[in-house]
N, C-alpha and C. Protein backbone atom coordinates (compact mmCIF):
# COMPACT_ATOMS: atom_id res chain seq x y z
N MET A 1 79.26 99.65 181.75
CA MET A 1 78.35 100.66 181.28
C MET A 1 77.28 100.01 180.40
N ARG A 2 76.04 100.41 180.58
CA ARG A 2 74.93 99.86 179.81
C ARG A 2 74.80 100.54 178.46
N THR A 3 74.39 99.77 177.49
CA THR A 3 74.06 100.32 176.17
C THR A 3 72.59 100.67 176.19
N LEU A 4 72.25 101.87 175.75
CA LEU A 4 70.86 102.29 175.73
C LEU A 4 70.09 101.58 174.63
N LYS A 5 68.91 101.11 174.96
CA LYS A 5 68.05 100.46 173.97
C LYS A 5 67.31 101.54 173.20
N PRO A 6 67.32 101.47 171.86
CA PRO A 6 66.60 102.48 171.08
C PRO A 6 65.11 102.47 171.39
N LYS A 7 64.53 103.65 171.44
CA LYS A 7 63.10 103.80 171.69
C LYS A 7 62.33 103.34 170.45
N GLN A 8 61.36 102.48 170.64
CA GLN A 8 60.56 101.97 169.53
C GLN A 8 59.69 103.08 168.95
N TRP A 9 59.45 103.01 167.66
CA TRP A 9 58.58 103.97 166.99
C TRP A 9 57.14 103.48 167.07
N SER A 10 56.25 104.34 167.49
CA SER A 10 54.82 103.99 167.53
C SER A 10 54.22 104.27 166.15
N GLU A 11 53.08 103.66 165.89
CA GLU A 11 52.40 103.88 164.61
C GLU A 11 52.03 105.36 164.44
N SER A 12 51.63 106.01 165.53
CA SER A 12 51.27 107.43 165.43
C SER A 12 52.49 108.30 165.11
N GLU A 13 53.67 107.93 165.61
CA GLU A 13 54.88 108.68 165.26
C GLU A 13 55.23 108.51 163.79
N ILE A 14 55.04 107.32 163.27
CA ILE A 14 55.32 107.07 161.86
C ILE A 14 54.35 107.87 160.99
N GLN A 15 53.09 107.94 161.40
CA GLN A 15 52.10 108.72 160.66
C GLN A 15 52.46 110.21 160.69
N ARG A 16 52.93 110.71 161.86
CA ARG A 16 53.36 112.11 161.95
C ARG A 16 54.57 112.36 161.08
N LEU A 17 55.49 111.38 161.03
CA LEU A 17 56.66 111.48 160.16
C LEU A 17 56.22 111.65 158.71
N LEU A 18 55.30 110.81 158.26
CA LEU A 18 54.78 110.91 156.89
C LEU A 18 54.14 112.26 156.63
N LYS A 19 53.34 112.73 157.58
CA LYS A 19 52.65 114.01 157.43
C LYS A 19 53.66 115.17 157.32
N LEU A 20 54.69 115.15 158.16
CA LEU A 20 55.70 116.21 158.14
C LEU A 20 56.52 116.17 156.86
N VAL A 21 56.82 114.96 156.37
CA VAL A 21 57.56 114.84 155.10
C VAL A 21 56.74 115.42 153.96
N ARG A 22 55.46 115.10 153.94
CA ARG A 22 54.58 115.64 152.89
C ARG A 22 54.49 117.16 152.95
N ALA A 23 54.62 117.71 154.16
CA ALA A 23 54.58 119.17 154.33
C ALA A 23 55.91 119.82 153.96
N GLY A 24 56.93 118.99 153.65
CA GLY A 24 58.21 119.53 153.20
C GLY A 24 59.24 119.74 154.31
N ALA A 25 59.00 119.19 155.48
CA ALA A 25 59.94 119.35 156.59
C ALA A 25 61.18 118.47 156.39
N GLY A 26 62.32 118.95 156.83
CA GLY A 26 63.57 118.19 156.78
C GLY A 26 63.74 117.36 158.03
N ALA A 27 64.80 116.56 158.06
CA ALA A 27 65.05 115.64 159.18
C ALA A 27 65.18 116.37 160.51
N SER A 28 65.85 117.51 160.53
CA SER A 28 66.06 118.25 161.79
C SER A 28 64.74 118.75 162.36
N LYS A 29 63.89 119.30 161.50
CA LYS A 29 62.59 119.81 161.96
C LYS A 29 61.71 118.67 162.45
N ILE A 30 61.70 117.57 161.71
CA ILE A 30 60.90 116.40 162.10
C ILE A 30 61.39 115.86 163.44
N ALA A 31 62.71 115.78 163.60
CA ALA A 31 63.29 115.29 164.85
C ALA A 31 62.85 116.16 166.03
N ALA A 32 62.87 117.47 165.84
CA ALA A 32 62.45 118.38 166.91
C ALA A 32 60.97 118.17 167.25
N GLU A 33 60.14 118.00 166.23
CA GLU A 33 58.70 117.79 166.43
C GLU A 33 58.41 116.49 167.18
N LEU A 34 59.19 115.44 166.86
CA LEU A 34 58.93 114.12 167.44
C LEU A 34 59.73 113.84 168.70
N GLY A 35 60.68 114.73 169.02
CA GLY A 35 61.52 114.51 170.20
C GLY A 35 62.50 113.37 170.00
N ARG A 36 63.04 113.26 168.79
CA ARG A 36 63.98 112.21 168.44
C ARG A 36 65.22 112.83 167.80
N TYR A 37 66.26 112.01 167.62
CA TYR A 37 67.46 112.46 166.94
C TYR A 37 67.23 112.48 165.44
N ALA A 38 67.90 113.39 164.74
CA ALA A 38 67.77 113.48 163.28
C ALA A 38 68.21 112.18 162.62
N GLY A 39 69.25 111.54 163.14
CA GLY A 39 69.71 110.26 162.59
C GLY A 39 68.65 109.18 162.70
N SER A 40 67.92 109.19 163.79
CA SER A 40 66.85 108.22 164.00
C SER A 40 65.73 108.46 162.99
N VAL A 41 65.43 109.72 162.74
CA VAL A 41 64.39 110.07 161.76
C VAL A 41 64.82 109.61 160.37
N ARG A 42 66.09 109.88 160.01
CA ARG A 42 66.59 109.46 158.70
C ARG A 42 66.55 107.94 158.55
N ARG A 43 66.93 107.23 159.60
CA ARG A 43 66.94 105.77 159.57
C ARG A 43 65.53 105.21 159.37
N MET A 44 64.57 105.76 160.10
CA MET A 44 63.19 105.28 159.98
C MET A 44 62.63 105.60 158.59
N ALA A 45 62.91 106.81 158.10
CA ALA A 45 62.43 107.19 156.78
C ALA A 45 63.01 106.24 155.73
N ARG A 46 64.29 105.96 155.82
CA ARG A 46 64.93 105.05 154.87
C ARG A 46 64.32 103.65 154.94
N SER A 47 64.02 103.18 156.15
CA SER A 47 63.45 101.84 156.30
C SER A 47 62.04 101.75 155.73
N LYS A 48 61.34 102.89 155.69
CA LYS A 48 59.97 102.94 155.15
C LYS A 48 59.94 103.36 153.68
N GLY A 49 61.13 103.63 153.10
CA GLY A 49 61.20 104.03 151.69
C GLY A 49 60.76 105.46 151.46
N ILE A 50 60.95 106.32 152.44
CA ILE A 50 60.53 107.72 152.36
C ILE A 50 61.76 108.57 152.06
N LEU A 51 61.66 109.46 151.08
CA LEU A 51 62.74 110.38 150.77
C LEU A 51 62.58 111.66 151.57
N LEU A 52 63.62 112.05 152.27
CA LEU A 52 63.59 113.28 153.06
C LEU A 52 64.19 114.44 152.28
N LYS A 53 63.71 115.61 152.55
CA LYS A 53 64.26 116.84 151.98
C LYS A 53 65.63 117.07 152.62
N LYS A 54 66.59 117.55 151.85
CA LYS A 54 67.94 117.82 152.36
C LYS A 54 67.96 119.03 153.25
């Protein structure tokens, strides 16, 4: 069985992530907007030093 390779984040997705965080969106809402998993959103936010709303 193959292991799926994680989809790379584009610069525009990271900018949308920042915009949504500033608007007060949580990980689940951001994930839905970007078409990604909430865990992936949390991981990227943490790697960029961004605090997400609970």
